[in-house]
Amino acid sequence: MGTTEIDGRKLAIHEALVAEIRRQAETDLRELDLVAMAVAIDRALGGDGVMPGGEVDEGKTPAELNAANDA
């Protein structure tokens, strides 16, 4: 990538892609896992970063749940 400055969102996407490609390069995959790359970008942009079918951890224990936040 050149030295052209990019905005924060694009920088976050770039950094997420670089990190995920490096992570995948350390495995024995024969091709890039594009879903994992999409999840990495989602996480970098403030999403839940959970793989499809994975559990979303909302950070609440059963004792902390009530009618207002038990959704």
Protein backbone atom coordinates (compact mmCIF):
# COMPACT_ATOMS: atom_id res chain seq x y z
CA MET A 1 0.00 0.00 0.00
CA GLY A 2 1.26 3.46 -0.84
CA THR A 3 1.74 6.34 1.52
CA THR A 4 -1.58 7.96 0.61
CA GLU A 5 -3.53 8.77 3.76
CA ILE A 6 -6.82 6.97 4.26
CA ASP A 7 -9.67 7.66 6.64
CA GLY A 8 -10.09 5.81 9.92
CA ARG A 9 -12.75 3.38 8.68
CA LYS A 10 -10.66 2.25 5.72
CA LEU A 11 -7.60 2.01 7.97
CA ALA A 12 -9.56 -0.23 10.37
CA ILE A 13 -10.61 -2.45 7.45
CA HIS A 14 -7.03 -2.57 6.15
CA GLU A 15 -5.63 -3.50 9.57
CA ALA A 16 -8.31 -6.17 10.06
CA LEU A 17 -7.53 -7.70 6.66
CA VAL A 18 -3.78 -7.68 7.26
CA ALA A 19 -4.20 -9.33 10.67
CA GLU A 20 -6.64 -11.95 9.39
CA ILE A 21 -4.51 -12.81 6.35
CA ARG A 22 -1.48 -13.23 8.63
CA ARG A 23 -3.54 -15.41 10.99
CA GLN A 24 -4.76 -17.57 8.14
CA ALA A 25 -1.25 -17.85 6.68
CA GLU A 26 -0.19 -19.60 9.89
CA THR A 27 -2.71 -22.40 9.27
CA ASP A 28 -2.76 -25.12 6.63
CA LEU A 29 -5.63 -23.59 4.66
CA ARG A 30 -5.32 -23.87 0.89
CA GLU A 31 -7.48 -20.82 0.27
CA LEU A 32 -8.53 -17.74 2.19
CA ASP A 33 -11.53 -18.07 4.48
CA LEU A 34 -13.57 -15.12 3.26
CA VAL A 35 -16.20 -15.52 5.97
CA ALA A 36 -13.50 -15.23 8.63
CA MET A 37 -12.22 -12.13 6.84
CA ALA A 38 -15.71 -10.61 6.83
CA VAL A 39 -16.07 -11.36 10.56
CA ALA A 40 -12.69 -9.72 11.24
CA ILE A 41 -13.82 -6.60 9.37
CA ASP A 42 -17.16 -6.64 11.21
CA ARG A 43 -15.30 -6.79 14.55
CA ALA A 44 -12.97 -3.94 13.49
CA LEU A 45 -15.97 -1.77 12.64
CA GLY A 46 -17.66 -2.37 15.98
CA GLY A 47 -19.84 -5.34 15.11
CA ASP A 48 -20.17 -8.49 17.21
CA GLY A 49 -17.41 -10.26 15.28
CA VAL A 50 -19.11 -13.62 15.68
CA MET A 51 -18.84 -16.33 13.04
CA PRO A 52 -22.20 -17.36 11.51
CA GLY A 53 -23.83 -19.86 13.84
CA GLY A 54 -21.60 -18.78 16.74
CA GLU A 55 -22.86 -17.63 20.09
CA VAL A 56 -23.18 -13.91 20.70
CA ASP A 57 -21.94 -13.02 24.16
CA GLU A 58 -23.85 -9.97 25.35
CA GLY A 59 -21.89 -9.91 28.60
CA LYS A 60 -24.84 -10.54 30.90
CA THR A 61 -25.02 -13.42 33.33
CA PRO A 62 -28.42 -14.96 34.16
CA ALA A 63 -28.42 -13.15 37.50
CA GLU A 64 -28.10 -9.79 35.69
CA LEU A 65 -31.05 -10.38 33.36
CA ASN A 66 -34.45 -8.86 33.99
CA ALA A 67 -37.57 -8.19 31.92
CA ALA A 68 -36.05 -5.01 30.46
CA ASN A 69 -32.79 -6.54 29.20
CA ASP A 70 -33.75 -10.19 28.59
CA ALA A 71 -34.07 -10.06 24.83
